[in-house]
Structure formats: C-alpha cells, structure tokens
Amino acid sequence: MPLQNAATAQKILLGAFIIGFGSIILGFTSKLHFPDSDYNFLGKKDRARLSIDKPLSQVFVAQENGLSEVKVHIGGLDLWPGEALVFELRDESCAHTLATDSWTPLKPKPLNYTRFTFERIPESMEKKYCAYITYTSPYDRKTNDAPYINTNELAGKSYTAVSKNKVYENETLQLRPAYSTDSFAADTWRLIERMSQYKPTYIKGLPLLLLFGFTILGGFSLGLWIIFEKEEDRRR
C-alpha cells in the first residue's frame, strides 16, 4: 500500500509539473509582441489624467504588419471593484471601433506598461489607427485618485482629450504599438535577433537560440530528475 500511495503521489507531482511548465511556456509564447521603436520618450514628461467617462485618444501610424497590441504607460492604476480601463482600437477618424480590450482589478498590476491585446491585424503597415482609452467607474472618486497616462513632448505627434475636444500638439501619450506574426518560429527568431543586439558576436543568432533552447530543456529535465530521484529515495 505505501508503494501504491508513493506511485500515485509521483503521478500527481509529475502531472502538476508538466502542466505548470507547459503553462509557463504557453504564457511566454502567447506574449511575443514586439513594440514600435518610433516612439522615444525623452525630454520633458507630464501626465494626462483620466477622468471618469472622459476618454483620451491618439492617432498613430502602424510601422509594421501584424499589429496586435498597444502598450500604454499608465500610472495610478489602483482600480476598485467595478472599475475598468477600456481600450478601443479605432479607425483613423476615431469613429469606428475595430477591436477592444480592458483592464480590471482582477488583473495583476503591471510593472511598467499596461498591455491591451487584440486579434492580430495582418495588413496594418503604414495604416493609421486610433488608440481610444476610457476610464469607467460607478464611484464618485476624487480626480487625483484616477489613473493617468504619462505623456511626453514629441514633435509631430498629438493626442486629444475627447470630452474637451482639445488637441495637445507636439505631445504624445506614452504608448507603443506592438506587432507579432502568425508563426511561433518567426516570433521566436525575432526575439533572438533582438536579444542578440548587444551580445558578443559568438553568442548572437543561432548560438543564442541553442543556448535558450538548452536552458529550457535543461530546466525541464532537471524537474523530471528531481521527481524521479525522490521516488527512488522512497523505495530505498
């Protein structure tokens, strides 16, 4: 009976390890979006407060095909139950909604950028889109408690406080469009290329990919070894 219990425990532990490891890999691969480097947030910074049901919007040009995410640098993101940040990807006139995503208190607070993800747009290169962000709340919260979007001076850019119909010229919301492909292999290789930018020549490209792959395989093998080694110790 003890051996049967040990075998059952080993199967449960093995199953939990495989599911957990697989979830980590799946979570990693599902978030391979590559941000636009056209927005460089240097110089004077400020913030645009998000009042309840008073959206902010900004038109941007997609630099690549495969637009699938917009990252926004949002501060004060202490949402209460029932509140949300609603992101809409609209056409260049900001009139027609193409895709939506939202941020609610159920999601973990982001370390830097708040990511709004939507279905990939294959033919997005050089097309204009509107990032339309609304803060919704059933509470009468003070203005200073509301979330805000960091802004930056940037020539040629502008954003709009929709409720005021006011355009802020030569300023940008701190946002970055991000892109992906429909191929995991292509996204992985692009990740390797980006990681290779500041690496010595001997560890760029394929060597870095092999190192990355061996690290994942090694971690998986180590986990299996620990599980089966513990089982051997019990039998002894």
C-alpha atoms as a PDB file:
ATOM      1  CA  MET A   1       0.000   0.000   0.000  1.00  0.00           C
ATOM      2  CA  PRO A   2       2.739   2.552   0.793  1.00  0.00           C
ATOM      3  CA  LEU A   3       4.305   1.861  -2.614  1.00  0.00           C
ATOM      4  CA  GLN A   4       0.936   2.414  -4.316  1.00  0.00           C
ATOM      5  CA  ASN A   5       0.491   5.702  -2.450  1.00  0.00           C
ATOM      6  CA  ALA A   6       4.002   6.751  -3.448  1.00  0.00           C
ATOM      7  CA  ALA A   7       3.326   5.886  -7.096  1.00  0.00           C
ATOM      8  CA  THR A   8       0.088   7.879  -7.040  1.00  0.00           C
ATOM      9  CA  ALA A   9       1.846  10.840  -5.432  1.00  0.00           C
ATOM     10  CA  GLN A  10       4.562  10.649  -8.081  1.00  0.00           C
ATOM     11  CA  LYS A  11       1.989  10.694 -10.886  1.00  0.00           C
ATOM     12  CA  ILE A  12       0.229  13.691  -9.345  1.00  0.00           C
ATOM     13  CA  LEU A  13       3.522  15.541  -8.876  1.00  0.00           C
ATOM     14  CA  LEU A  14       4.618  14.679 -12.422  1.00  0.00           C
ATOM     15  CA  GLY A  15       1.308  15.819 -13.879  1.00  0.00           C
ATOM     16  CA  ALA A  16       1.402  19.072 -11.889  1.00  0.00           C
ATOM     17  CA  PHE A  17       4.989  19.733 -13.020  1.00  0.00           C
ATOM     18  CA  ILE A  18       4.200  19.140 -16.705  1.00  0.00           C
ATOM     19  CA  ILE A  19       1.061  21.300 -16.560  1.00  0.00           C
ATOM     20  CA  GLY A  20       2.897  24.066 -14.684  1.00  0.00           C
ATOM     21  CA  PHE A  21       5.908  24.017 -17.016  1.00  0.00           C
ATOM     22  CA  GLY A  22       3.636  23.931 -20.051  1.00  0.00           C
ATOM     23  CA  SER A  23       1.615  26.884 -18.714  1.00  0.00           C
ATOM     24  CA  ILE A  24       4.785  28.935 -18.270  1.00  0.00           C
ATOM     25  CA  ILE A  25       5.927  28.209 -21.833  1.00  0.00           C
ATOM     26  CA  LEU A  26       2.439  28.862 -23.233  1.00  0.00           C
ATOM     27  CA  GLY A  27       2.177  32.134 -21.302  1.00  0.00           C
ATOM     28  CA  PHE A  28       5.580  33.200 -22.583  1.00  0.00           C
ATOM     29  CA  THR A  29       4.911  32.329 -26.213  1.00  0.00           C
ATOM     30  CA  SER A  30       1.476  33.995 -26.198  1.00  0.00           C
ATOM     31  CA  LYS A  31       3.031  37.337 -25.249  1.00  0.00           C
ATOM     32  CA  LEU A  32       5.592  37.663 -28.014  1.00  0.00           C
ATOM     33  CA  HIS A  33       4.680  41.141 -29.211  1.00  0.00           C
ATOM     34  CA  PHE A  34       7.425  43.446 -30.455  1.00  0.00           C
ATOM     35  CA  PRO A  35       6.975  47.158 -29.681  1.00  0.00           C
ATOM     36  CA  ASP A  36       7.415  50.004 -32.117  1.00  0.00           C
ATOM     37  CA  SER A  37      10.672  51.920 -31.659  1.00  0.00           C
ATOM     38  CA  ASP A  38       9.263  55.018 -33.400  1.00  0.00           C
ATOM     39  CA  TYR A  39       8.254  56.478 -30.035  1.00  0.00           C
ATOM     40  CA  ASN A  40      11.252  57.629 -27.972  1.00  0.00           C
ATOM     41  CA  PHE A  41      10.175  59.072 -24.644  1.00  0.00           C
ATOM     42  CA  LEU A  42      12.924  61.536 -23.845  1.00  0.00           C
ATOM     43  CA  GLY A  43      12.943  65.095 -22.541  1.00  0.00           C
ATOM     44  CA  LYS A  44      10.096  66.760 -20.649  1.00  0.00           C
ATOM     45  CA  LYS A  45       7.474  64.411 -19.222  1.00  0.00           C
ATOM     46  CA  ASP A  46       3.982  65.120 -17.915  1.00  0.00           C
ATOM     47  CA  ARG A  47       0.759  63.222 -17.282  1.00  0.00           C
ATOM     48  CA  ALA A  48      -2.792  63.277 -18.640  1.00  0.00           C
ATOM     49  CA  ARG A  49      -5.409  62.437 -16.014  1.00  0.00           C
ATOM     50  CA  LEU A  50      -8.184  60.004 -16.985  1.00  0.00           C
ATOM     51  CA  SER A  51     -11.471  61.403 -15.671  1.00  0.00           C
ATOM     52  CA  ILE A  52     -14.495  59.095 -15.494  1.00  0.00           C
ATOM     53  CA  ASP A  53     -16.074  58.558 -18.921  1.00  0.00           C
ATOM     54  CA  LYS A  54     -13.849  61.266 -20.446  1.00  0.00           C
ATOM     55  CA  PRO A  55     -11.612  59.410 -22.913  1.00  0.00           C
ATOM     56  CA  LEU A  56      -8.217  60.277 -24.300  1.00  0.00           C
ATOM     57  CA  SER A  57      -7.281  59.353 -27.842  1.00  0.00           C
ATOM     58  CA  GLN A  58      -4.288  59.381 -30.122  1.00  0.00           C
ATOM     59  CA  VAL A  59      -3.897  58.541 -33.794  1.00  0.00           C
ATOM     60  CA  PHE A  60      -0.765  56.602 -34.717  1.00  0.00           C
ATOM     61  CA  VAL A  61       0.698  55.002 -37.813  1.00  0.00           C
ATOM     62  CA  ALA A  62       1.499  51.290 -37.684  1.00  0.00           C
ATOM     63  CA  GLN A  63       5.082  50.751 -38.828  1.00  0.00           C
ATOM     64  CA  GLU A  64       4.701  47.028 -39.491  1.00  0.00           C
ATOM     65  CA  ASN A  65       2.180  44.378 -40.422  1.00  0.00           C
ATOM     66  CA  GLY A  66       0.728  42.287 -37.626  1.00  0.00           C
ATOM     67  CA  LEU A  67      -0.458  44.999 -35.226  1.00  0.00           C
ATOM     68  CA  SER A  68      -1.687  43.030 -32.194  1.00  0.00           C
ATOM     69  CA  GLU A  69      -1.081  45.091 -29.070  1.00  0.00           C
ATOM     70  CA  VAL A  70      -0.780  48.629 -27.748  1.00  0.00           C
ATOM     71  CA  LYS A  71       1.295  49.177 -24.619  1.00  0.00           C
ATOM     72  CA  VAL A  72       0.347  52.256 -22.581  1.00  0.00           C
ATOM     73  CA  HIS A  73       2.341  53.727 -19.673  1.00  0.00           C
ATOM     74  CA  ILE A  74      -0.443  54.200 -17.122  1.00  0.00           C
ATOM     75  CA  GLY A  75       0.099  55.346 -13.548  1.00  0.00           C
ATOM     76  CA  GLY A  76      -2.187  55.330 -10.503  1.00  0.00           C
ATOM     77  CA  LEU A  77      -3.714  52.070 -11.647  1.00  0.00           C
ATOM     78  CA  ASP A  78      -5.410  51.285  -8.319  1.00  0.00           C
ATOM     79  CA  LEU A  79      -8.789  50.243  -9.657  1.00  0.00           C
ATOM     80  CA  TRP A  80     -11.669  49.384  -7.351  1.00  0.00           C
ATOM     81  CA  PRO A  81     -14.174  46.561  -7.971  1.00  0.00           C
ATOM     82  CA  GLY A  82     -16.486  47.582 -10.786  1.00  0.00           C
ATOM     83  CA  GLU A  83     -13.971  49.958 -12.383  1.00  0.00           C
ATOM     84  CA  ALA A  84     -12.169  49.374 -15.659  1.00  0.00           C
ATOM     85  CA  LEU A  85      -9.918  50.899 -18.246  1.00  0.00           C
ATOM     86  CA  VAL A  86     -11.470  50.260 -21.640  1.00  0.00           C
ATOM     87  CA  PHE A  87      -9.183  50.321 -24.661  1.00  0.00           C
ATOM     88  CA  GLU A  88     -10.595  50.586 -28.163  1.00  0.00           C
ATOM     89  CA  LEU A  89      -8.585  50.334 -31.335  1.00  0.00           C
ATOM     90  CA  ARG A  90     -10.466  52.552 -33.774  1.00  0.00           C
ATOM     91  CA  ASP A  91     -10.029  53.669 -37.348  1.00  0.00           C
ATOM     92  CA  GLU A  92      -8.084  56.855 -38.120  1.00  0.00           C
ATOM     93  CA  SER A  93     -11.180  59.024 -37.658  1.00  0.00           C
ATOM     94  CA  CYS A  94     -11.604  57.583 -34.129  1.00  0.00           C
ATOM     95  CA  ALA A  95     -15.244  56.891 -35.065  1.00  0.00           C
ATOM     96  CA  HIS A  96     -15.409  53.132 -35.690  1.00  0.00           C
ATOM     97  CA  THR A  97     -14.183  50.510 -33.213  1.00  0.00           C
ATOM     98  CA  LEU A  98     -12.055  47.721 -34.701  1.00  0.00           C
ATOM     99  CA  ALA A  99     -11.043  45.864 -31.523  1.00  0.00           C
ATOM    100  CA  THR A 100     -11.369  46.193 -27.758  1.00  0.00           C
ATOM    101  CA  ASP A 101      -9.620  45.113 -24.584  1.00  0.00           C
ATOM    102  CA  SER A 102      -9.927  46.191 -20.965  1.00  0.00           C
ATOM    103  CA  TRP A 103      -8.034  46.305 -17.698  1.00  0.00           C
ATOM    104  CA  THR A 104      -9.890  45.436 -14.498  1.00  0.00           C
ATOM    105  CA  PRO A 105      -8.948  44.976 -10.810  1.00  0.00           C
ATOM    106  CA  LEU A 106      -8.828  41.212 -11.402  1.00  0.00           C
ATOM    107  CA  LYS A 107      -5.669  41.609 -13.470  1.00  0.00           C
ATOM    108  CA  PRO A 108      -2.300  41.959 -11.687  1.00  0.00           C
ATOM    109  CA  LYS A 109      -0.904  45.466 -11.583  1.00  0.00           C
ATOM    110  CA  PRO A 110       1.655  45.864 -14.400  1.00  0.00           C
ATOM    111  CA  LEU A 111       5.262  46.705 -13.598  1.00  0.00           C
ATOM    112  CA  ASN A 112       5.627  49.196 -16.433  1.00  0.00           C
ATOM    113  CA  TYR A 113       3.316  49.194 -19.439  1.00  0.00           C
ATOM    114  CA  THR A 114      -0.344  48.205 -19.356  1.00  0.00           C
ATOM    115  CA  ARG A 115      -0.843  45.890 -22.315  1.00  0.00           C
ATOM    116  CA  PHE A 116      -4.000  45.955 -24.408  1.00  0.00           C
ATOM    117  CA  THR A 117      -4.028  42.960 -26.735  1.00  0.00           C
ATOM    118  CA  PHE A 118      -6.367  42.173 -29.606  1.00  0.00           C
ATOM    119  CA  GLU A 119      -6.645  39.946 -32.654  1.00  0.00           C
ATOM    120  CA  ARG A 120      -3.690  40.410 -34.963  1.00  0.00           C
ATOM    121  CA  ILE A 121      -4.225  42.683 -37.988  1.00  0.00           C
ATOM    122  CA  PRO A 122      -2.166  41.118 -40.819  1.00  0.00           C
ATOM    123  CA  GLU A 123      -2.128  44.124 -43.188  1.00  0.00           C
ATOM    124  CA  SER A 124      -1.523  47.056 -40.836  1.00  0.00           C
ATOM    125  CA  MET A 125       1.705  48.564 -42.149  1.00  0.00           C
ATOM    126  CA  GLU A 126       1.550  52.350 -42.827  1.00  0.00           C
ATOM    127  CA  LYS A 127      -2.128  52.487 -41.867  1.00  0.00           C
ATOM    128  CA  LYS A 128      -3.486  54.925 -39.297  1.00  0.00           C
ATOM    129  CA  TYR A 129      -5.274  53.771 -36.151  1.00  0.00           C
ATOM    130  CA  CYS A 130      -6.705  55.496 -33.114  1.00  0.00           C
ATOM    131  CA  ALA A 131      -5.938  54.406 -29.553  1.00  0.00           C
ATOM    132  CA  TYR A 132      -9.065  55.341 -27.569  1.00  0.00           C
ATOM    133  CA  ILE A 133      -8.869  54.892 -23.780  1.00  0.00           C
ATOM    134  CA  THR A 134     -11.738  55.377 -21.324  1.00  0.00           C
ATOM    135  CA  TYR A 135     -11.804  55.091 -17.522  1.00  0.00           C
ATOM    136  CA  THR A 136     -15.163  53.827 -16.213  1.00  0.00           C
ATOM    137  CA  SER A 137     -16.239  53.817 -12.572  1.00  0.00           C
ATOM    138  CA  PRO A 138     -19.521  53.679 -10.586  1.00  0.00           C
ATOM    139  CA  TYR A 139     -17.877  55.712  -7.793  1.00  0.00           C
ATOM    140  CA  ASP A 140     -17.514  59.427  -7.292  1.00  0.00           C
ATOM    141  CA  ARG A 141     -13.754  59.342  -6.866  1.00  0.00           C
ATOM    142  CA  LYS A 142     -11.545  62.380  -6.481  1.00  0.00           C
ATOM    143  CA  THR A 143      -9.752  63.454  -9.637  1.00  0.00           C
ATOM    144  CA  ASN A 144      -6.342  62.877  -8.066  1.00  0.00           C
ATOM    145  CA  ASP A 145      -7.283  59.249  -7.354  1.00  0.00           C
ATOM    146  CA  ALA A 146      -7.990  58.476 -11.008  1.00  0.00           C
ATOM    147  CA  PRO A 147      -5.443  56.737 -13.249  1.00  0.00           C
ATOM    148  CA  TYR A 148      -3.308  58.842 -15.550  1.00  0.00           C
ATOM    149  CA  ILE A 149      -1.310  58.302 -18.713  1.00  0.00           C
ATOM    150  CA  ASN A 150       2.240  59.568 -18.838  1.00  0.00           C
ATOM    151  CA  THR A 151       2.875  61.961 -21.702  1.00  0.00           C
ATOM    152  CA  ASN A 152       5.940  63.249 -23.482  1.00  0.00           C
ATOM    153  CA  GLU A 153       6.955  66.081 -25.763  1.00  0.00           C
ATOM    154  CA  LEU A 154       7.445  64.709 -29.249  1.00  0.00           C
ATOM    155  CA  ALA A 155       7.448  66.788 -32.422  1.00  0.00           C
ATOM    156  CA  GLY A 156       4.806  65.872 -34.961  1.00  0.00           C
ATOM    157  CA  LYS A 157       2.663  63.869 -32.533  1.00  0.00           C
ATOM    158  CA  SER A 158      -0.554  64.879 -30.790  1.00  0.00           C
ATOM    159  CA  TYR A 159      -3.248  63.447 -28.548  1.00  0.00           C
ATOM    160  CA  THR A 160      -6.817  64.543 -27.827  1.00  0.00           C
ATOM    161  CA  ALA A 161      -8.870  64.983 -24.667  1.00  0.00           C
ATOM    162  CA  VAL A 162     -12.087  63.849 -26.347  1.00  0.00           C
ATOM    163  CA  SER A 163     -14.567  65.345 -23.860  1.00  0.00           C
ATOM    164  CA  LYS A 164     -12.921  68.788 -24.173  1.00  0.00           C
ATOM    165  CA  ASN A 165     -12.280  68.417 -27.911  1.00  0.00           C
ATOM    166  CA  LYS A 166      -8.821  69.717 -27.089  1.00  0.00           C
ATOM    167  CA  VAL A 167      -5.770  68.653 -29.080  1.00  0.00           C
ATOM    168  CA  TYR A 168      -2.321  68.712 -27.445  1.00  0.00           C
ATOM    169  CA  GLU A 169       0.131  69.348 -30.253  1.00  0.00           C
ATOM    170  CA  ASN A 170       3.732  68.082 -30.238  1.00  0.00           C
ATOM    171  CA  GLU A 171       2.915  65.791 -27.319  1.00  0.00           C
ATOM    172  CA  THR A 172       2.319  62.078 -27.209  1.00  0.00           C
ATOM    173  CA  LEU A 173       0.740  59.653 -24.814  1.00  0.00           C
ATOM    174  CA  GLN A 174       3.414  57.219 -23.735  1.00  0.00           C
ATOM    175  CA  LEU A 175       2.171  54.337 -25.826  1.00  0.00           C
ATOM    176  CA  ARG A 176       3.871  51.817 -28.073  1.00  0.00           C
ATOM    177  CA  PRO A 177       2.107  49.801 -30.769  1.00  0.00           C
ATOM    178  CA  ALA A 178       3.399  46.225 -30.852  1.00  0.00           C
ATOM    179  CA  TYR A 179       3.433  43.589 -33.572  1.00  0.00           C
ATOM    180  CA  SER A 180       3.540  39.835 -33.969  1.00  0.00           C
ATOM    181  CA  THR A 181       3.464  37.265 -36.763  1.00  0.00           C
ATOM    182  CA  ASP A 182       1.217  34.237 -37.216  1.00  0.00           C
ATOM    183  CA  SER A 183       4.208  31.946 -36.726  1.00  0.00           C
ATOM    184  CA  PHE A 184       5.698  30.957 -33.369  1.00  0.00           C
ATOM    185  CA  ALA A 185       9.004  30.139 -35.092  1.00  0.00           C
ATOM    186  CA  ALA A 186       9.179  33.596 -36.712  1.00  0.00           C
ATOM    187  CA  ASP A 187       8.331  35.354 -33.425  1.00  0.00           C
ATOM    188  CA  THR A 188      10.933  33.294 -31.559  1.00  0.00           C
ATOM    189  CA  TRP A 189      13.629  34.085 -34.127  1.00  0.00           C
ATOM    190  CA  ARG A 190      12.772  37.774 -33.956  1.00  0.00           C
ATOM    191  CA  LEU A 191      13.079  37.609 -30.164  1.00  0.00           C
ATOM    192  CA  ILE A 192      16.523  36.020 -30.583  1.00  0.00           C
ATOM    193  CA  GLU A 193      17.524  38.769 -33.021  1.00  0.00           C
ATOM    194  CA  ARG A 194      16.514  41.465 -30.543  1.00  0.00           C
ATOM    195  CA  MET A 195      18.316  39.714 -27.715  1.00  0.00           C
ATOM    196  CA  SER A 196      21.395  39.462 -29.955  1.00  0.00           C
ATOM    197  CA  GLN A 197      21.701  43.226 -30.481  1.00  0.00           C
ATOM    198  CA  TYR A 198      24.023  43.853 -27.550  1.00  0.00           C
ATOM    199  CA  LYS A 199      25.647  40.444 -27.296  1.00  0.00           C
ATOM    200  CA  PRO A 200      29.181  39.445 -28.385  1.00  0.00           C
ATOM    201  CA  THR A 201      29.394  38.026 -31.918  1.00  0.00           C
ATOM    202  CA  TYR A 202      29.978  34.457 -30.744  1.00  0.00           C
ATOM    203  CA  ILE A 203      26.643  34.358 -28.907  1.00  0.00           C
ATOM    204  CA  LYS A 204      24.423  36.057 -31.477  1.00  0.00           C
ATOM    205  CA  GLY A 205      21.725  34.431 -33.612  1.00  0.00           C
ATOM    206  CA  LEU A 206      21.800  30.642 -33.770  1.00  0.00           C
ATOM    207  CA  PRO A 207      24.188  30.145 -30.783  1.00  0.00           C
ATOM    208  CA  LEU A 208      21.847  32.242 -28.623  1.00  0.00           C
ATOM    209  CA  LEU A 209      18.836  30.256 -29.847  1.00  0.00           C
ATOM    210  CA  LEU A 210      20.613  26.996 -28.982  1.00  0.00           C
ATOM    211  CA  LEU A 211      21.541  28.341 -25.549  1.00  0.00           C
ATOM    212  CA  PHE A 212      17.936  29.423 -25.000  1.00  0.00           C
ATOM    213  CA  GLY A 213      16.629  26.022 -26.090  1.00  0.00           C
ATOM    214  CA  PHE A 214      19.111  24.065 -23.968  1.00  0.00           C
ATOM    215  CA  THR A 215      18.213  26.199 -20.939  1.00  0.00           C
ATOM    216  CA  ILE A 216      14.508  25.342 -21.297  1.00  0.00           C
ATOM    217  CA  LEU A 217      15.251  21.671 -21.990  1.00  0.00           C
ATOM    218  CA  GLY A 218      17.700  21.577 -19.081  1.00  0.00           C
ATOM    219  CA  GLY A 219      15.150  23.080 -16.700  1.00  0.00           C
ATOM    220  CA  PHE A 220      12.531  20.541 -17.769  1.00  0.00           C
ATOM    221  CA  SER A 221      14.974  17.644 -17.458  1.00  0.00           C
ATOM    222  CA  LEU A 222      16.099  18.820 -14.019  1.00  0.00           C
ATOM    223  CA  GLY A 223      12.498  18.919 -12.816  1.00  0.00           C
ATOM    224  CA  LEU A 224      11.895  15.362 -14.053  1.00  0.00           C
ATOM    225  CA  TRP A 225      15.117  14.157 -12.464  1.00  0.00           C
ATOM    226  CA  ILE A 226      14.165  15.609  -9.078  1.00  0.00           C
ATOM    227  CA  ILE A 227      10.721  13.968  -9.196  1.00  0.00           C
ATOM    228  CA  PHE A 228      12.024  10.508 -10.123  1.00  0.00           C
ATOM    229  CA  GLU A 229      15.035  10.747  -7.813  1.00  0.00           C
ATOM    230  CA  LYS A 230      12.773  11.416  -4.834  1.00  0.00           C
ATOM    231  CA  GLU A 231      10.728   8.380  -5.794  1.00  0.00           C
ATOM    232  CA  GLU A 232      13.875   6.222  -5.874  1.00  0.00           C
ATOM    233  CA  ASP A 233      14.818   7.508  -2.411  1.00  0.00           C
ATOM    234  CA  ARG A 234      11.405   6.478  -1.051  1.00  0.00           C
ATOM    235  CA  ARG A 235      11.777   2.965  -2.439  1.00  0.00           C
ATOM    236  CA  ARG A 236      15.162   2.545  -0.800  1.00  0.00           C
END
